[in-house]
PDB file of N, CA and C in Angstrom:
ATOM      1  N   UNK A   1      37.629-107.150 -30.620  1.00  0.00           N
ATOM      2  CA  UNK A   1      38.479-106.085 -30.127  1.00  0.00           C
ATOM      3  C   UNK A   1      39.923-106.490 -30.353  1.00  0.00           C
ATOM      4  N   UNK A   2      40.715-105.541 -30.850  1.00  0.00           N
ATOM      5  CA  UNK A   2      42.153-105.741 -31.003  1.00  0.00           C
ATOM      6  C   UNK A   2      42.858-104.571 -30.341  1.00  0.00           C
ATOM      7  N   UNK A   3      43.874-104.873 -29.527  1.00  0.00           N
ATOM      8  CA  UNK A   3      44.683-103.848 -28.883  1.00  0.00           C
ATOM      9  C   UNK A   3      46.147-104.228 -29.074  1.00  0.00           C
ATOM     10  N   UNK A   4      46.884-103.369 -29.805  1.00  0.00           N
ATOM     11  CA  UNK A   4      48.281-103.647 -30.120  1.00  0.00           C
ATOM     12  C   UNK A   4      49.145-102.445 -29.758  1.00  0.00           C
ATOM     13  N   UNK A   5      50.418-102.728 -29.480  1.00  0.00           N
ATOM     14  CA  UNK A   5      51.408-101.681 -29.208  1.00  0.00           C
ATOM     15  C   UNK A   5      52.424-101.713 -30.338  1.00  0.00           C
ATOM     16  N   UNK A   6      52.752-100.516 -30.858  1.00  0.00           N
ATOM     17  CA  UNK A   6      53.689-100.367 -31.974  1.00  0.00           C
ATOM     18  C   UNK A   6      54.871 -99.515 -31.557  1.00  0.00           C
ATOM     19  N   UNK A   7      56.037 -99.767 -32.167  1.00  0.00           N
ATOM     20  CA  UNK A   7      57.173 -98.870 -31.966  1.00  0.00           C
ATOM     21  C   UNK A   7      57.062 -97.710 -32.957  1.00  0.00           C
ATOM     22  N   UNK A   8      58.014 -96.781 -32.914  1.00  0.00           N
ATOM     23  CA  UNK A   8      57.925 -95.592 -33.778  1.00  0.00           C
ATOM     24  C   UNK A   8      58.100 -95.931 -35.253  1.00  0.00           C
ATOM     25  N   UNK A   9      58.609 -97.109 -35.562  1.00  0.00           N
ATOM     26  CA  UNK A   9      58.747 -97.532 -36.964  1.00  0.00           C
ATOM     27  C   UNK A   9      57.500 -98.257 -37.481  1.00  0.00           C
ATOM     28  N   UNK A  10      56.506 -98.418 -36.613  1.00  0.00           N
ATOM     29  CA  UNK A  10      55.267 -99.054 -37.032  1.00  0.00           C
ATOM     30  C   UNK A  10      55.231-100.562 -36.863  1.00  0.00           C
ATOM     31  N   UNK A  11      56.232-101.123 -36.203  1.00  0.00           N
ATOM     32  CA  UNK A  11      56.265-102.575 -35.979  1.00  0.00           C
ATOM     33  C   UNK A  11      55.477-102.930 -34.727  1.00  0.00           C
ATOM     34  N   UNK A  12      54.704-103.997 -34.794  1.00  0.00           N
ATOM     35  CA  UNK A  12      53.958-104.460 -33.622  1.00  0.00           C
ATOM     36  C   UNK A  12      54.949-105.047 -32.623  1.00  0.00           C
ATOM     37  N   UNK A  13      54.960-104.516 -31.394  1.00  0.00           N
ATOM     38  CA  UNK A  13      55.852-105.033 -30.359  1.00  0.00           C
ATOM     39  C   UNK A  13      55.084-105.822 -29.298  1.00  0.00           C
ATOM     40  N   UNK A  14      53.756-105.664 -29.273  1.00  0.00           N
ATOM     41  CA  UNK A  14      52.931-106.424 -28.331  1.00  0.00           C
ATOM     42  C   UNK A  14      51.492-106.474 -28.837  1.00  0.00           C
ATOM     43  N   UNK A  15      50.905-107.641 -28.756  1.00  0.00           N
ATOM     44  CA  UNK A  15      49.480-107.793 -29.062  1.00  0.00           C
ATOM     45  C   UNK A  15      48.814-108.135 -27.738  1.00  0.00           C
ATOM     46  N   UNK A  16      48.067-107.176 -27.192  1.00  0.00           N
ATOM     47  CA  UNK A  16      47.515-107.326 -25.852  1.00  0.00           C
ATOM     48  C   UNK A  16      46.144-107.987 -25.848  1.00  0.00           C
ATOM     49  N   UNK A  17      45.335-107.713 -26.861  1.00  0.00           N
ATOM     50  CA  UNK A  17      43.991-108.296 -26.934  1.00  0.00           C
ATOM     51  C   UNK A  17      43.668-108.590 -28.389  1.00  0.00           C
ATOM     52  N   UNK A  18      43.091-109.738 -28.606  1.00  0.00           N
ATOM     53  CA  UNK A  18      42.504-110.081 -29.902  1.00  0.00           C
ATOM     54  C   UNK A  18      41.395-111.075 -29.588  1.00  0.00           C
ATOM     55  N   UNK A  19      40.230-110.519 -29.223  1.00  0.00           N
ATOM     56  CA  UNK A  19      39.145-111.369 -28.754  1.00  0.00           C
ATOM     57  C   UNK A  19      37.811-110.652 -28.874  1.00  0.00           C
ATOM     58  N   UNK A  20      36.768-111.426 -28.827  1.00  0.00           N
ATOM     59  CA  UNK A  20      35.429-110.874 -28.758  1.00  0.00           C
ATOM     60  C   UNK A  20      35.172-110.541 -27.292  1.00  0.00           C
ATOM     61  N   UNK A  21      34.689-109.330 -27.031  1.00  0.00           N
ATOM     62  CA  UNK A  21      34.484-108.897 -25.650  1.00  0.00           C
ATOM     63  C   UNK A  21      33.108-108.279 -25.490  1.00  0.00           C
ATOM     64  N   UNK A  22      32.599-108.328 -24.286  1.00  0.00           N
ATOM     65  CA  UNK A  22      31.322-107.707 -23.978  1.00  0.00           C
ATOM     66  C   UNK A  22      31.506-106.202 -23.845  1.00  0.00           C
ATOM     67  N   UNK A  23      30.433-105.463 -23.992  1.00  0.00           N
ATOM     68  CA  UNK A  23      30.486-104.018 -23.805  1.00  0.00           C
ATOM     69  C   UNK A  23      30.794-103.716 -22.346  1.00  0.00           C
ATOM     70  N   UNK A  24      31.488-102.620 -22.108  1.00  0.00           N
ATOM     71  CA  UNK A  24      31.787-102.227 -20.738  1.00  0.00           C
ATOM     72  C   UNK A  24      33.246-101.858 -20.577  1.00  0.00           C
ATOM     73  N   UNK A  25      33.652-101.742 -19.347  1.00  0.00           N
ATOM     74  CA  UNK A  25      35.017-101.352 -19.008  1.00  0.00           C
ATOM     75  C   UNK A  25      35.853-102.609 -18.795  1.00  0.00           C
ATOM     76  N   UNK A  26      37.036-102.633 -19.392  1.00  0.00           N
ATOM     77  CA  UNK A  26      37.954-103.758 -19.253  1.00  0.00           C
ATOM     78  C   UNK A  26      39.331-103.219 -18.905  1.00  0.00           C
ATOM     79  N   UNK A  27      40.114-103.984 -18.170  1.00  0.00           N
ATOM     80  CA  UNK A  27      41.470-103.604 -17.791  1.00  0.00           C
ATOM     81  C   UNK A  27      42.436-104.596 -18.421  1.00  0.00           C
ATOM     82  N   UNK A  28      43.481-104.062 -19.061  1.00  0.00           N
ATOM     83  CA  UNK A  28      44.511-104.896 -19.684  1.00  0.00           C
ATOM     84  C   UNK A  28      45.857-104.422 -19.163  1.00  0.00           C
ATOM     85  N   UNK A  29      46.659-105.337 -18.681  1.00  0.00           N
ATOM     86  CA  UNK A  29      47.995-104.978 -18.190  1.00  0.00           C
ATOM     87  C   UNK A  29      49.004-105.096 -19.327  1.00  0.00           C
ATOM     88  N   UNK A  30      49.891-104.117 -19.390  1.00  0.00           N
ATOM     89  CA  UNK A  30      50.944-104.110 -20.410  1.00  0.00           C
ATOM     90  C   UNK A  30      52.286-104.211 -19.708  1.00  0.00           C
ATOM     91  N   UNK A  31      53.020-105.283 -19.974  1.00  0.00           N
ATOM     92  CA  UNK A  31      54.344-105.486 -19.397  1.00  0.00           C
ATOM     93  C   UNK A  31      55.370-105.166 -20.470  1.00  0.00           C
ATOM     94  N   UNK A  32      55.943-103.988 -20.397  1.00  0.00           N
ATOM     95  CA  UNK A  32      56.937-103.576 -21.382  1.00  0.00           C
ATOM     96  C   UNK A  32      58.349-103.869 -20.931  1.00  0.00           C
ATOM     97  N   UNK A  33      58.523-104.887 -20.108  1.00  0.00           N
ATOM     98  CA  UNK A  33      59.833-105.204 -19.535  1.00  0.00           C
ATOM     99  C   UNK A  33      60.903-105.460 -20.599  1.00  0.00           C
ATOM    100  N   UNK A  34      60.523-106.035 -21.727  1.00  0.00           N
ATOM    101  CA  UNK A  34      61.491-106.357 -22.777  1.00  0.00           C
ATOM    102  C   UNK A  34      61.696-105.222 -23.775  1.00  0.00           C
ATOM    103  N   UNK A  35      61.092-104.074 -23.521  1.00  0.00           N
ATOM    104  CA  UNK A  35      61.197-102.933 -24.436  1.00  0.00           C
ATOM    105  C   UNK A  35      62.084-101.853 -23.835  1.00  0.00           C
ATOM    106  N   UNK A  36      62.700-101.079 -24.699  1.00  0.00           N
ATOM    107  CA  UNK A  36      63.510 -99.961 -24.228  1.00  0.00           C
ATOM    108  C   UNK A  36      62.611 -98.767 -23.920  1.00  0.00           C
ATOM    109  N   UNK A  37      63.116 -97.847 -23.130  1.00  0.00           N
ATOM    110  CA  UNK A  37      62.383 -96.619 -22.852  1.00  0.00           C
ATOM    111  C   UNK A  37      62.192 -95.853 -24.142  1.00  0.00           C
ATOM    112  N   UNK A  38      61.082 -95.158 -24.243  1.00  0.00           N
ATOM    113  CA  UNK A  38      60.846 -94.359 -25.434  1.00  0.00           C
ATOM    114  C   UNK A  38      59.388 -94.238 -25.783  1.00  0.00           C
ATOM    115  N   UNK A  39      59.140 -93.727 -26.976  1.00  0.00           N
ATOM    116  CA  UNK A  39      57.785 -93.483 -27.449  1.00  0.00           C
ATOM    117  C   UNK A  39      57.260 -94.707 -28.192  1.00  0.00           C
ATOM    118  N   UNK A  40      56.023 -95.061 -27.875  1.00  0.00           N
ATOM    119  CA  UNK A  40      55.315 -96.150 -28.540  1.00  0.00           C
ATOM    120  C   UNK A  40      53.901 -95.654 -28.828  1.00  0.00           C
ATOM    121  N   UNK A  41      53.160 -96.436 -29.563  1.00  0.00           N
ATOM    122  CA  UNK A  41      51.776 -96.108 -29.856  1.00  0.00           C
ATOM    123  C   UNK A  41      50.932 -97.339 -29.589  1.00  0.00           C
ATOM    124  N   UNK A  42      49.718 -97.119 -29.099  1.00  0.00           N
ATOM    125  CA  UNK A  42      48.794 -98.248 -28.986  1.00  0.00           C
ATOM    126  C   UNK A  42      47.587 -97.964 -29.851  1.00  0.00           C
ATOM    127  N   UNK A  43      47.050 -99.030 -30.405  1.00  0.00           N
ATOM    128  CA  UNK A  43      45.913 -98.912 -31.325  1.00  0.00           C
ATOM    129  C   UNK A  43      44.824 -99.861 -30.856  1.00  0.00           C
ATOM    130  N   UNK A  44      43.632 -99.304 -30.659  1.00  0.00           N
ATOM    131  CA  UNK A  44      42.469-100.058 -30.240  1.00  0.00           C
ATOM    132  C   UNK A  44      41.482-100.089 -31.396  1.00  0.00           C
ATOM    133  N   UNK A  45      41.069-101.279 -31.779  1.00  0.00           N
ATOM    134  CA  UNK A  45      40.064-101.440 -32.834  1.00  0.00           C
ATOM    135  C   UNK A  45      38.912-102.256 -32.274  1.00  0.00           C
ATOM    136  N   UNK A  46      37.699-101.765 -32.510  1.00  0.00           N
ATOM    137  CA  UNK A  46      36.509-102.473 -32.055  1.00  0.00           C
ATOM    138  C   UNK A  46      35.414-102.299 -33.088  1.00  0.00           C
ATOM    139  N   UNK A  47      34.636-103.329 -33.269  1.00  0.00           N
ATOM    140  CA  UNK A  47      33.511-103.289 -34.209  1.00  0.00           C
ATOM    141  C   UNK A  47      32.252-103.696 -33.442  1.00  0.00           C
ATOM    142  N   UNK A  48      31.628-102.742 -32.767  1.00  0.00           N
ATOM    143  CA  UNK A  48      30.427-103.087 -32.001  1.00  0.00           C
ATOM    144  C   UNK A  48      29.278-103.511 -32.908  1.00  0.00           C
ATOM    145  N   UNK A  49      28.320-104.162 -32.323  1.00  0.00           N
ATOM    146  CA  UNK A  49      27.174-104.661 -33.082  1.00  0.00           C
ATOM    147  C   UNK A  49      26.387-103.548 -33.748  1.00  0.00           C
ATOM    148  N   UNK A  50      26.553-102.310 -33.253  1.00  0.00           N
ATOM    149  CA  UNK A  50      25.844-101.180 -33.858  1.00  0.00           C
ATOM    150  C   UNK A  50      26.338-100.903 -35.272  1.00  0.00           C
ATOM    151  N   UNK A  51      27.521-101.467 -35.603  1.00  0.00           N
ATOM    152  CA  UNK A  51      28.029-101.346 -36.961  1.00  0.00           C
ATOM    153  C   UNK A  51      29.046-100.250 -37.179  1.00  0.00           C
ATOM    154  N   UNK A  52      29.225 -99.335 -36.241  1.00  0.00           N
ATOM    155  CA  UNK A  52      30.190 -98.256 -36.384  1.00  0.00           C
ATOM    156  C   UNK A  52      31.526 -98.713 -35.828  1.00  0.00           C
ATOM    157  N   UNK A  53      32.501 -98.928 -36.699  1.00  0.00           N
ATOM    158  CA  UNK A  53      33.820 -99.384 -36.269  1.00  0.00           C
ATOM    159  C   UNK A  53      34.557 -98.271 -35.536  1.00  0.00           C
ATOM    160  N   UNK A  54      35.245 -98.640 -34.470  1.00  0.00           N
ATOM    161  CA  UNK A  54      36.026 -97.691 -33.688  1.00  0.00           C
ATOM    162  C   UNK A  54      37.493 -98.036 -33.864  1.00  0.00           C
ATOM    163  N   UNK A  55      38.290 -97.057 -34.281  1.00  0.00           N
ATOM    164  CA  UNK A  55      39.740 -97.224 -34.384  1.00  0.00           C
ATOM    165  C   UNK A  55      40.366 -96.014 -33.716  1.00  0.00           C
ATOM    166  N   UNK A  56      41.173 -96.269 -32.695  1.00  0.00           N
ATOM    167  CA  UNK A  56      41.780 -95.175 -31.950  1.00  0.00           C
ATOM    168  C   UNK A  56      43.258 -95.471 -31.741  1.00  0.00           C
ATOM    169  N   UNK A  57      44.116 -94.511 -32.065  1.00  0.00           N
ATOM    170  CA  UNK A  57      45.553 -94.651 -31.869  1.00  0.00           C
ATOM    171  C   UNK A  57      46.019 -93.531 -30.952  1.00  0.00           C
ATOM    172  N   UNK A  58      46.786 -93.898 -29.933  1.00  0.00           N
ATOM    173  CA  UNK A  58      47.284 -92.916 -28.971  1.00  0.00           C
ATOM    174  C   UNK A  58      48.769 -93.165 -28.708  1.00  0.00           C
ATOM    175  N   UNK A  59      49.425 -92.135 -28.221  1.00  0.00           N
ATOM    176  CA  UNK A  59      50.846 -92.206 -27.910  1.00  0.00           C
ATOM    177  C   UNK A  59      51.027 -92.768 -26.496  1.00  0.00           C
ATOM    178  N   UNK A  60      52.119 -93.503 -26.318  1.00  0.00           N
ATOM    179  CA  UNK A  60      52.442 -94.110 -25.037  1.00  0.00           C
ATOM    180  C   UNK A  60      53.910 -93.845 -24.781  1.00  0.00           C
ATOM    181  N   UNK A  61      54.258 -93.344 -23.605  1.00  0.00           N
ATOM    182  CA  UNK A  61      55.644 -93.096 -23.266  1.00  0.00           C
ATOM    183  C   UNK A  61      56.065 -94.106 -22.212  1.00  0.00           C
ATOM    184  N   UNK A  62      57.049 -94.922 -22.538  1.00  0.00           N
ATOM    185  CA  UNK A  62      57.565 -95.925 -21.617  1.00  0.00           C
ATOM    186  C   UNK A  62      58.848 -95.393 -20.999  1.00  0.00           C
ATOM    187  N   UNK A  63      58.827 -95.187 -19.689  1.00  0.00           N
ATOM    188  CA  UNK A  63      59.997 -94.639 -18.982  1.00  0.00           C
ATOM    189  C   UNK A  63      60.440 -95.615 -17.912  1.00  0.00           C
ATOM    190  N   UNK A  64      61.713 -95.800 -17.807  1.00  0.00           N
ATOM    191  CA  UNK A  64      62.282 -96.695 -16.783  1.00  0.00           C
ATOM    192  C   UNK A  64      63.029 -95.898 -15.756  1.00  0.00           C
TER     193      UNK A  64
END
């Protein structure tokens, strides 16, 4: 599993997870203290044993 946060220019600003994980629900805290307010994107990539890769990108709004 990989979970990264990108700025609007596509640069990685945080790598939150890069590990093998068990199936189920997991909680990851994101501390954007060093980032400015604005729009970011997070991307989750997972390759379960079933073989179907999951890639999901969503918008994130950081407001102070």
